[in-house]
Amino acid sequence: MDSKTTLTALNNTPLFAVLTPEEKIILWQSGNLSTLLKHQVIYKPGQSATKVYFLLKGIVKVAVHAEKKDIIKYVVREGSLFGESSLTGESQRRDFAYIMDERAEVIEFESSTLLSLMKRNFSFAQSLLHFLGERLRYTETQLEKVVLKDSKSRILEYLHQMGLEQGKRIGYETLVKHNMTHQDIADLTGTSRQMVTAVLNQLKRSNVLYFNRKKILFRDLSALPVAV
């Protein structure tokens, strides 16, 4: 594996920055760097859960199959772990992960190595537990939204969050470049593709935003929740 690329990634990621130089070498030696293309599957249900993955470049979707469709659990972006259930006692995968971007780079680590490093480095254990807690809270929040909010509100909230987290300010406007289809947004918000399309079209007619397959341009992000 490219040691320079991997060690730079470990040094630049807060989760791994607490490891000593010796521990980073141990982690690096357990890793395997792969370059994957769009729609390639990283893991799927039924496979043995012995690896944890770090996304170096690209976008990954983690989802489960339900009623002949994919239910997206979360979208992984550069600099984040996924497949972490192997650290919490799961022996077989119950979800699947695959590439959303045209090209992605994924580092695969042995779960046993991370568990061993947690035992010897308390700061790393705390850092990893904090990460696991944040992901759990995200999942719980998504579930609460499905139960407590209507479809339109969930879509608007997701769009607003997308603008805040991924947007680039251009004057008063906010530009988001993305790889999300209307179906992806529907799967993430627990709605339908038709509802996502209807909300986006209504926002476009109201000149709140402009969108195409690769980008969304928010005219005024702060106006989004009350613009429809």
Foldseek 3Di string as FASTA:
>chain_A
DPPVLQLVLLCPAPLNVLDDPVLSVLFVVQKDKDKDFAPDWPDAWPAFLFKKKAWAAAKKWKFADDPNDTQTQDIDHHSDIPSCVSLVPDGTDRIIMGGLHGMTMMMIGGSVSLVVSVVVRVVSVVSVVVVVVVSVVSSVVLVCCVVPHDQLLLLLVVVLVQQVPAWDDDDQKTKHFDRDDLCNSCSSNVHHSVSSVVSVVVCVVLVQWDDDNTMIMGNHSVCRVVSD
